[in-house]
Protein backbone atom coordinates (compact mmCIF):
# COMPACT_ATOMS: atom_id res chain seq x y z
CA MET A 1 -33.23 -37.03 -35.42
CA ALA A 2 -35.06 -39.99 -34.04
CA TYR A 3 -34.33 -43.70 -33.70
CA GLY A 4 -37.04 -45.53 -32.19
CA ASP A 5 -37.92 -43.55 -29.15
CA GLN A 6 -34.25 -42.31 -28.80
CA GLN A 7 -33.01 -39.08 -30.27
CA ILE A 8 -29.54 -39.19 -32.12
CA ARG A 9 -28.03 -35.44 -31.90
CA PHE A 10 -25.20 -34.58 -34.32
CA SER A 11 -23.15 -31.71 -35.28
CA LEU A 12 -22.49 -30.91 -39.02
CA ARG A 13 -19.48 -29.75 -40.54
CA HIS A 14 -19.20 -28.98 -44.58
CA LEU A 15 -16.08 -30.11 -46.26
CA PRO A 16 -14.48 -28.61 -49.44
CA ARG A 17 -14.31 -30.99 -52.48
CA PRO A 18 -12.90 -33.54 -53.18
CA ALA A 19 -14.93 -35.54 -50.18
CA ARG A 20 -17.08 -37.34 -51.97
CA ARG A 21 -19.79 -38.80 -49.40
CA VAL A 22 -20.83 -38.09 -45.86
CA SER A 23 -18.76 -39.46 -42.91
CA ILE A 24 -20.37 -40.35 -39.46
CA HIS A 25 -17.72 -40.41 -36.27
CA VAL A 26 -18.58 -41.01 -32.85
CA THR A 27 -16.21 -39.33 -30.66
CA PRO A 28 -14.94 -41.13 -27.40
CA GLU A 29 -17.10 -38.68 -25.38
CA GLY A 30 -20.14 -39.74 -27.28
CA ALA A 31 -20.54 -36.75 -29.60
CA VAL A 32 -21.49 -37.51 -33.07
CA GLN A 33 -19.65 -35.83 -35.83
CA VAL A 34 -21.10 -35.67 -39.18
CA ASP A 35 -18.74 -34.30 -42.22
CA ALA A 36 -20.34 -33.96 -45.56
CA PRO A 37 -19.05 -32.42 -48.82
CA GLU A 38 -20.30 -28.76 -49.85
CA GLY A 39 -23.42 -28.74 -51.46
CA VAL A 40 -24.98 -31.85 -49.49
CA THR A 41 -28.36 -30.73 -48.29
CA LEU A 42 -29.51 -31.38 -44.48
CA PRO A 43 -32.40 -33.77 -45.67
CA GLU A 44 -29.36 -35.85 -47.32
CA VAL A 45 -27.28 -35.63 -44.24
CA LYS A 46 -30.09 -36.99 -42.01
CA GLN A 47 -30.69 -39.64 -44.71
CA ALA A 48 -27.26 -40.62 -44.58
CA VAL A 49 -27.50 -40.73 -40.95
CA ARG A 50 -30.49 -42.76 -40.51
CA GLN A 51 -28.76 -45.36 -42.59
CA ARG A 52 -26.27 -45.45 -40.15
CA ALA A 53 -28.43 -44.88 -36.94
CA ALA A 54 -28.24 -48.86 -35.58
CA TRP A 55 -24.27 -48.36 -35.90
CA VAL A 56 -24.43 -45.09 -34.34
CA TRP A 57 -26.61 -45.94 -31.39
CA GLN A 58 -24.46 -48.84 -30.89
CA GLN A 59 -21.35 -46.62 -30.51
CA LEU A 60 -23.19 -44.44 -28.09
CA GLN A 61 -24.22 -47.22 -25.86
CA ALA A 62 -20.70 -48.50 -25.77
CA VAL A 63 -19.43 -45.10 -24.87
CA GLU A 64 -22.03 -45.01 -22.00
CA ALA A 65 -21.09 -48.67 -20.72
CA ARG A 66 -17.51 -47.66 -20.34
CA ARG A 67 -18.49 -44.38 -18.56
CA LEU A 68 -20.41 -46.37 -15.89
CA HIS A 69 -17.33 -48.26 -15.05
CA VAL A 70 -15.01 -45.17 -14.67
CA LEU A 71 -14.69 -43.42 -10.79
CA PRO A 72 -13.86 -39.96 -10.60
CA ARG A 73 -10.36 -39.01 -9.79
CA GLU A 74 -9.56 -37.86 -6.52
CA TYR A 75 -5.34 -37.47 -6.34
CA VAL A 76 -4.73 -39.20 -3.76
CA SER A 77 -1.89 -41.87 -2.90
CA GLY A 78 -3.09 -45.39 -4.05
CA GLU A 79 -4.58 -44.06 -7.11
CA THR A 80 -3.32 -45.75 -10.72
CA HIS A 81 -2.55 -43.02 -13.59
CA PHE A 82 -1.50 -44.01 -17.09
CA TYR A 83 1.49 -42.92 -18.93
CA LEU A 84 2.28 -44.54 -22.40
CA GLY A 85 -0.37 -47.46 -21.85
CA ARG A 86 0.86 -48.53 -18.27
CA ARG A 87 -0.37 -47.90 -14.91
CA HIS A 88 1.49 -46.48 -12.44
CA MET A 89 0.49 -45.73 -8.57
CA LEU A 90 0.47 -42.45 -7.14
CA LYS A 91 2.26 -41.80 -4.17
CA VAL A 92 1.40 -38.13 -2.66
CA LEU A 93 4.59 -37.21 -0.33
CA PRO A 94 3.77 -34.10 1.79
CA ALA A 95 6.70 -31.97 2.35
CA GLU A 96 7.54 -28.36 3.69
CA GLY A 97 10.44 -26.64 2.43
CA VAL A 98 10.98 -28.76 -0.92
CA GLU A 99 10.48 -27.75 -4.42
CA PRO A 100 7.27 -29.25 -5.59
CA GLY A 101 7.59 -31.98 -8.09
CA VAL A 102 6.50 -35.03 -9.78
CA ARG A 103 8.89 -38.17 -10.79
CA LEU A 104 8.01 -41.45 -12.36
CA TRP A 105 10.27 -43.81 -9.97
CA ARG A 106 10.15 -47.39 -9.69
CA GLY A 107 6.55 -47.73 -11.34
CA ARG A 108 4.95 -44.90 -9.15
CA LEU A 109 4.27 -41.88 -9.76
CA GLU A 110 5.48 -39.74 -7.02
CA ILE A 111 4.23 -36.24 -5.96
CA THR A 112 6.41 -34.00 -3.47
CA ASN A 113 4.16 -30.83 -2.56
CA SER A 114 3.63 -29.06 0.91
CA SER A 115 -0.09 -29.42 0.10
CA ALA A 116 -1.74 -32.86 -0.37
CA GLY A 117 -5.17 -31.00 -1.78
CA ALA A 118 -6.77 -32.50 -4.65
CA LEU A 119 -6.58 -29.51 -6.98
CA ALA A 120 -2.85 -28.95 -5.81
CA VAL A 121 -1.64 -32.92 -6.83
CA ARG A 122 -3.70 -32.65 -9.92
CA LYS A 123 -2.24 -29.25 -11.41
CA LEU A 124 1.19 -30.80 -10.63
CA LEU A 125 0.14 -34.06 -12.48
CA ASP A 126 -1.30 -32.09 -15.33
CA ASP A 127 1.80 -29.93 -15.65
CA TRP A 128 4.29 -33.00 -15.78
CA TYR A 129 1.91 -34.77 -18.18
CA ARG A 130 2.00 -31.56 -20.80
CA GLN A 131 5.98 -31.37 -20.25
CA ARG A 132 5.96 -35.14 -21.03
CA ALA A 133 3.38 -34.85 -24.16
CA ALA A 134 5.50 -31.78 -25.66
CA ASP A 135 8.60 -34.01 -25.88
CA VAL A 136 6.98 -37.45 -26.92
CA PHE A 137 4.78 -36.01 -29.52
CA ALA A 138 7.66 -34.09 -30.88
CA LYS A 139 9.60 -37.35 -31.39
CA VAL A 140 6.78 -38.87 -32.86
CA LEU A 141 6.11 -35.92 -35.36
CA LEU A 142 9.74 -36.15 -36.42
CA GLU A 143 9.53 -40.09 -37.01
CA MET A 144 5.68 -39.72 -38.66
CA VAL A 145 6.45 -37.10 -41.48
CA PRO A 146 9.10 -39.08 -43.27
CA ARG A 147 6.24 -42.07 -43.24
CA LEU A 148 4.02 -39.98 -44.74
CA GLY A 149 6.41 -38.87 -47.67
CA LEU A 150 5.57 -35.21 -46.56
CA ARG A 151 8.26 -33.13 -48.56
CA ARG A 152 8.35 -30.35 -46.07
CA THR A 153 9.70 -28.80 -42.58
CA LEU A 154 8.15 -30.24 -39.72
CA PRO A 155 4.50 -28.54 -39.38
CA PRO A 156 3.82 -26.14 -35.83
CA MET A 157 2.41 -28.24 -33.13
CA ARG A 158 0.66 -27.05 -30.41
CA LEU A 159 -1.06 -28.80 -27.14
CA LEU A 160 -4.55 -28.23 -26.51
CA SER A 161 -6.63 -30.11 -23.39
CA MET A 162 -9.78 -31.13 -25.14
CA ARG A 163 -12.68 -33.22 -24.03
CA THR A 164 -13.71 -34.91 -26.88
CA GLN A 165 -10.69 -35.00 -29.69
CA TRP A 166 -7.32 -36.54 -29.42
CA GLY A 167 -6.03 -33.94 -32.04
CA SER A 168 -6.74 -31.77 -34.84
CA CYS A 169 -5.35 -29.86 -37.81
CA SER A 170 -6.26 -26.26 -38.67
CA PRO A 171 -6.61 -25.18 -42.31
CA LYS A 172 -2.81 -23.43 -41.54
CA GLY A 173 -1.47 -26.74 -41.11
CA GLU A 174 -0.81 -26.50 -37.66
CA ILE A 175 -1.42 -29.73 -35.78
CA VAL A 176 -3.43 -29.56 -32.32
CA LEU A 177 -2.74 -32.36 -29.80
CA ASN A 178 -4.03 -33.30 -26.70
CA PRO A 179 -1.79 -33.58 -23.75
CA HIS A 180 -3.67 -36.14 -22.11
CA LEU A 181 -2.82 -38.80 -25.66
CA VAL A 182 0.54 -39.13 -23.61
CA LYS A 183 -1.22 -41.37 -21.29
CA ALA A 184 -1.95 -43.79 -24.39
CA PRO A 185 0.21 -46.47 -25.65
CA ARG A 186 2.59 -45.44 -28.32
CA PRO A 187 1.20 -47.26 -31.09
CA CYS A 188 -1.98 -45.26 -30.49
CA ILE A 189 -0.30 -42.02 -30.09
CA GLU A 190 1.40 -42.73 -33.86
CA TYR A 191 -2.08 -43.39 -35.35
CA VAL A 192 -3.24 -39.86 -33.94
CA VAL A 193 -0.07 -38.03 -35.25
CA ALA A 194 -0.41 -39.63 -38.55
CA HIS A 195 -4.06 -39.10 -38.37
CA GLU A 196 -3.49 -35.44 -38.30
CA LEU A 197 -0.66 -35.17 -40.62
CA CYS A 198 -2.68 -37.04 -43.19
CA HIS A 199 -4.73 -33.93 -42.90
CA LEU A 200 -2.28 -31.86 -44.24
CA ARG A 201 -2.71 -33.60 -47.70
CA GLU A 202 -6.60 -34.20 -47.23
CA HIS A 203 -8.50 -31.84 -45.11
CA ASN A 204 -11.35 -34.44 -44.97
CA HIS A 205 -12.00 -37.88 -44.67
CA SER A 206 -12.46 -38.98 -48.18
CA ASP A 207 -10.87 -42.16 -49.42
CA ARG A 208 -7.79 -40.48 -50.44
CA PHE A 209 -7.21 -39.74 -46.79
CA TYR A 210 -7.74 -43.00 -45.60
CA ARG A 211 -5.01 -44.71 -48.36
CA HIS A 212 -2.57 -42.22 -47.22
CA LEU A 213 -3.27 -43.21 -43.42
CA ALA A 214 -2.86 -47.07 -44.47
CA ARG A 215 0.13 -46.74 -46.54
CA ALA A 216 1.78 -44.94 -43.29
CA LEU A 217 0.13 -47.28 -40.94
CA PRO A 218 -1.36 -50.47 -42.26
CA ASP A 219 -2.66 -51.47 -38.93
CA TRP A 220 -3.97 -47.76 -37.95
CA GLU A 221 -7.76 -49.51 -37.35
CA ALA A 222 -6.66 -51.60 -34.67
CA ARG A 223 -4.73 -48.99 -33.09
CA LYS A 224 -7.92 -46.39 -33.28
CA VAL A 225 -10.15 -49.52 -31.79
CA GLU A 226 -7.44 -49.59 -28.93
CA LEU A 227 -7.54 -45.78 -28.08
CA ASP A 228 -11.01 -45.68 -28.46
CA ASP A 229 -11.52 -48.52 -25.77
CA LEU A 230 -9.03 -46.50 -23.49
CA ALA A 231 -10.70 -43.42 -23.76
CA GLU A 232 -12.90 -42.78 -20.72
CA LEU A 233 -9.92 -44.06 -18.86
CA LEU A 234 -7.59 -41.66 -20.09
CA LEU A 235 -9.84 -38.66 -20.37
CA ASN A 236 -11.09 -39.04 -17.02
CA ARG A 237 -10.28 -36.25 -14.82
């Protein structure tokens, strides 16, 4: 769809009722996602996007501006990497005959390995993040379920590295979370978990969905803004 001399490309997802309106989202990586109730035609969707085109374009420009300030990772000593919202300096310690591993020690992420190559260091660090994510997310999930008034056993959770999403909720009730979310501050993690849990009640972004979210996290919008501002840094790999 044209906006001035620029093109806005979007993906469309039709949601079952009771979704009442077209919702437009811009992901941290600059993808435009449009959710529309079943029965809404493509011309109606385009009209809704056209009405919010200025806002969408501002969000896309903000994503691009953040991207320009993020340098590619090299996985060498001296780089900083995030964990639970804090920066930690990376220290690569080449050593023969020892068990490869990662430890958080006195504000540093220390990686011991026989190879100091970027691919080997990245693999060890990714595995460490995934292990930490499984533990942190399980604890947050345990805390969020009663806050949302869900009278059920804990939903199944799965970790999946994603480039454009922090999380999702399947139609069968499985919560999928991006392990790189563990790099974010805990309030931001709570926001994503609460957001996905709300989809167990409302598998859409209707007014009822946001009322559930606001009851659990009255400041969810501030948490979302903080996470969006950090997205380019946290997803930079």
